[in-house]
Amino acid sequence: MRRLLGSLSIIFGGLHLQVNALFEQTFHSFPLAVQPFTILERSPKYDPDNINLYLVCPTGGAVADPGAAIYKSNGELVWANSTFGACNDLNLQTFDGEDFLTFWVGAGSAAAGGQMGFGTVIMMNSNYEVVMNVSAVNPEGTDLHEFNIVKPENRTALITAFHR
């Protein structure tokens, strides 16, 4: 079955890339339904060697297994993980000289109208292993909007949190 699940249009310095997720792709190696990107329009000048990556957190009613995903600029899946469920703010950041994938997981969603979440930030190393959970000390935990490891020292993180 093929159905339009989402659309993303990106412009980099005059170069245009439009991406649509048209269907889910399943794998024999793990039980995960992933929404692949189908490139509908792409400038020949945009990333001819496919070295750029898209770090996304597909969510919504049409997404069978919400979670973190990384795609090459040609739409090919690099990595996906739905173990933690819906996520936000997936990034590659450096902490104390080492690269980490960082993303927020928890309850709440900016798309649900509450514009806030109650959760924690997951940090995964280059082997995709969870090495750290980061949370605010308030009872609600960390908000979904921001987790930023501060440069140039890369040893401190800024997070958003609130108290009801």
Protein backbone atom coordinates (compact mmCIF):
# COMPACT_ATOMS: atom_id res chain seq x y z
CA MET A 1 0.00 0.00 0.00
CA ARG A 2 1.36 3.41 -0.93
CA ARG A 3 0.04 6.57 0.72
CA LEU A 4 1.42 10.04 1.32
CA LEU A 5 2.51 10.27 4.94
CA GLY A 6 4.32 13.60 5.06
CA SER A 7 6.18 16.25 3.12
CA LEU A 8 9.29 18.33 3.72
CA SER A 9 10.67 21.08 1.53
CA ILE A 10 14.20 22.38 2.17
CA ILE A 11 16.07 25.24 0.51
CA PHE A 12 19.84 25.63 1.02
CA GLY A 13 21.35 28.73 -0.57
CA GLY A 14 19.01 28.59 -3.56
CA LEU A 15 19.22 24.80 -3.98
CA HIS A 16 15.83 23.13 -3.56
CA LEU A 17 15.05 19.66 -2.21
CA GLN A 18 11.53 18.35 -1.74
CA VAL A 19 11.08 15.13 0.21
CA ASN A 20 7.92 13.06 0.68
CA ALA A 21 7.39 9.95 2.76
CA LEU A 22 5.12 7.88 0.50
CA PHE A 23 5.01 4.48 2.13
CA GLU A 24 6.37 2.39 4.96
CA GLN A 25 9.29 0.05 4.51
CA THR A 26 9.68 -3.04 6.66
CA PHE A 27 12.83 -5.07 7.31
CA HIS A 28 13.45 -8.76 7.98
CA SER A 29 16.30 -7.98 10.39
CA PHE A 30 14.12 -6.08 12.87
CA PRO A 31 10.37 -5.55 13.36
CA LEU A 32 10.17 -1.88 12.46
CA ALA A 33 8.03 -0.11 9.88
CA VAL A 34 10.03 2.90 8.64
CA GLN A 35 8.83 5.76 6.46
CA PRO A 36 11.43 6.12 3.69
CA PHE A 37 11.99 9.48 2.02
CA THR A 38 11.16 9.65 -1.65
CA ILE A 39 12.96 12.52 -3.35
CA LEU A 40 10.55 14.20 -5.76
CA GLU A 41 12.73 17.09 -6.84
CA ARG A 42 16.42 17.64 -6.27
CA SER A 43 18.87 20.10 -7.79
CA PRO A 44 21.86 18.34 -9.39
CA LYS A 45 24.03 20.78 -7.43
CA TYR A 46 22.63 19.68 -4.08
CA ASP A 47 24.83 17.12 -2.31
CA PRO A 48 25.96 15.10 -5.38
CA ASP A 49 27.94 12.70 -3.15
CA ASN A 50 25.06 12.08 -0.68
CA ILE A 51 27.12 13.01 2.37
CA ASN A 52 24.45 15.09 4.14
CA LEU A 53 22.19 13.36 6.64
CA TYR A 54 18.65 14.13 7.79
CA LEU A 55 18.00 13.47 11.46
CA VAL A 56 14.24 13.23 12.02
CA CYS A 57 11.63 12.03 14.49
CA PRO A 58 8.60 10.97 12.39
CA THR A 59 5.40 11.00 14.45
CA GLY A 60 1.66 11.19 13.91
CA GLY A 61 -1.27 8.93 13.29
CA ALA A 62 0.06 7.63 9.97
CA VAL A 63 3.41 6.55 11.48
CA ALA A 64 3.29 2.92 12.59
CA ASP A 65 6.50 2.98 14.67
CA PRO A 66 7.38 6.54 15.76
CA GLY A 67 11.00 7.07 16.73
CA ALA A 68 14.35 8.50 15.75
CA ALA A 69 15.61 8.00 12.17
CA ILE A 70 18.58 9.07 10.07
CA TYR A 71 18.41 9.25 6.26
CA LYS A 72 21.01 10.02 3.58
CA SER A 73 20.18 12.97 1.34
CA ASN A 74 19.07 10.53 -1.37
CA GLY A 75 16.38 9.15 0.98
CA GLU A 76 18.19 5.94 1.94
CA LEU A 77 17.70 4.87 5.56
CA VAL A 78 20.91 4.89 7.63
CA TRP A 79 19.49 4.07 11.09
CA ALA A 80 16.16 3.96 12.91
CA ASN A 81 15.04 3.11 16.44
CA SER A 82 11.49 3.05 17.75
CA THR A 83 12.42 1.59 21.16
CA PHE A 84 11.78 4.90 22.91
CA GLY A 85 8.67 5.85 20.92
CA ALA A 86 7.99 9.35 19.66
CA CYS A 87 10.88 11.76 20.01
CA ASN A 88 11.82 15.37 19.32
CA ASP A 89 14.95 17.41 18.69
CA LEU A 90 17.18 14.65 17.22
CA ASN A 91 20.69 16.07 16.79
CA LEU A 92 24.35 15.10 16.50
CA GLN A 93 26.29 16.94 19.21
CA THR A 94 29.76 16.79 20.73
CA PHE A 95 30.13 16.28 24.47
CA ASP A 96 33.55 16.17 26.11
CA GLY A 97 35.26 15.44 22.77
CA GLU A 98 32.93 12.59 21.71
CA ASP A 99 30.01 12.67 19.24
CA PHE A 100 26.53 11.74 20.50
CA LEU A 101 23.06 11.47 19.05
CA THR A 102 20.76 13.41 21.36
CA PHE A 103 16.96 13.37 21.38
CA TRP A 104 14.07 14.02 23.75
CA VAL A 105 11.56 11.32 24.72
CA GLY A 106 8.59 11.51 27.05
CA ALA A 107 4.94 12.49 27.30
CA GLY A 108 3.54 15.43 25.39
CA SER A 109 3.99 16.86 21.95
CA ALA A 110 4.32 20.28 20.41
CA ALA A 111 1.86 19.12 17.75
CA ALA A 112 -0.77 18.13 20.34
CA GLY A 113 -1.48 21.72 21.31
CA GLY A 114 0.14 21.66 24.73
CA GLN A 115 3.41 22.98 23.25
CA MET A 116 5.35 21.29 26.04
CA GLY A 117 6.53 17.89 27.10
CA PHE A 118 7.59 16.06 30.23
CA GLY A 119 10.53 13.77 29.68
CA THR A 120 14.24 13.20 29.40
CA VAL A 121 17.03 13.54 26.84
CA ILE A 122 18.74 10.38 25.59
CA MET A 123 22.42 10.48 24.59
CA MET A 124 23.68 7.65 22.37
CA ASN A 125 27.32 7.03 21.46
CA SER A 126 28.65 6.21 17.98
CA ASN A 127 27.60 2.55 18.49
CA TYR A 128 23.98 3.68 19.07
CA GLU A 129 24.19 2.65 22.72
CA VAL A 130 22.45 4.75 25.38
CA VAL A 131 25.15 6.15 27.62
CA MET A 132 23.31 8.95 29.37
CA ASN A 133 19.82 10.15 30.31
CA VAL A 134 19.70 13.88 31.02
CA SER A 135 16.82 15.45 32.88
CA ALA A 136 16.02 18.62 34.77
CA VAL A 137 15.73 18.29 38.53
CA ASN A 138 12.13 19.54 38.61
CA PRO A 139 9.34 16.93 38.97
CA GLU A 140 8.19 17.33 35.36
CA GLY A 141 11.61 16.66 33.86
CA THR A 142 12.96 18.18 30.67
CA ASP A 143 10.80 19.97 28.09
CA LEU A 144 10.85 18.77 24.48
CA HIS A 145 12.02 22.01 22.88
CA GLU A 146 15.72 22.29 23.45
CA PHE A 147 18.81 20.36 24.46
CA ASN A 148 21.95 22.17 23.41
CA ILE A 149 25.51 21.23 24.40
CA VAL A 150 27.33 24.55 24.70
CA LYS A 151 30.42 25.21 22.57
CA PRO A 152 33.40 25.56 22.66
CA GLU A 153 33.97 23.50 25.83
CA ASN A 154 31.20 20.97 25.05
CA ARG A 155 30.85 20.00 28.70
CA THR A 156 27.68 21.89 29.64
CA ALA A 157 24.15 21.54 28.28
CA LEU A 158 21.29 24.02 28.14
CA ILE A 159 17.81 22.53 28.48
CA THR A 160 14.30 23.91 28.74
CA ALA A 161 12.17 22.97 31.72
CA PHE A 162 9.15 24.39 33.48
CA HIS A 163 7.13 23.88 36.62
CA ARG A 164 3.33 23.83 36.56
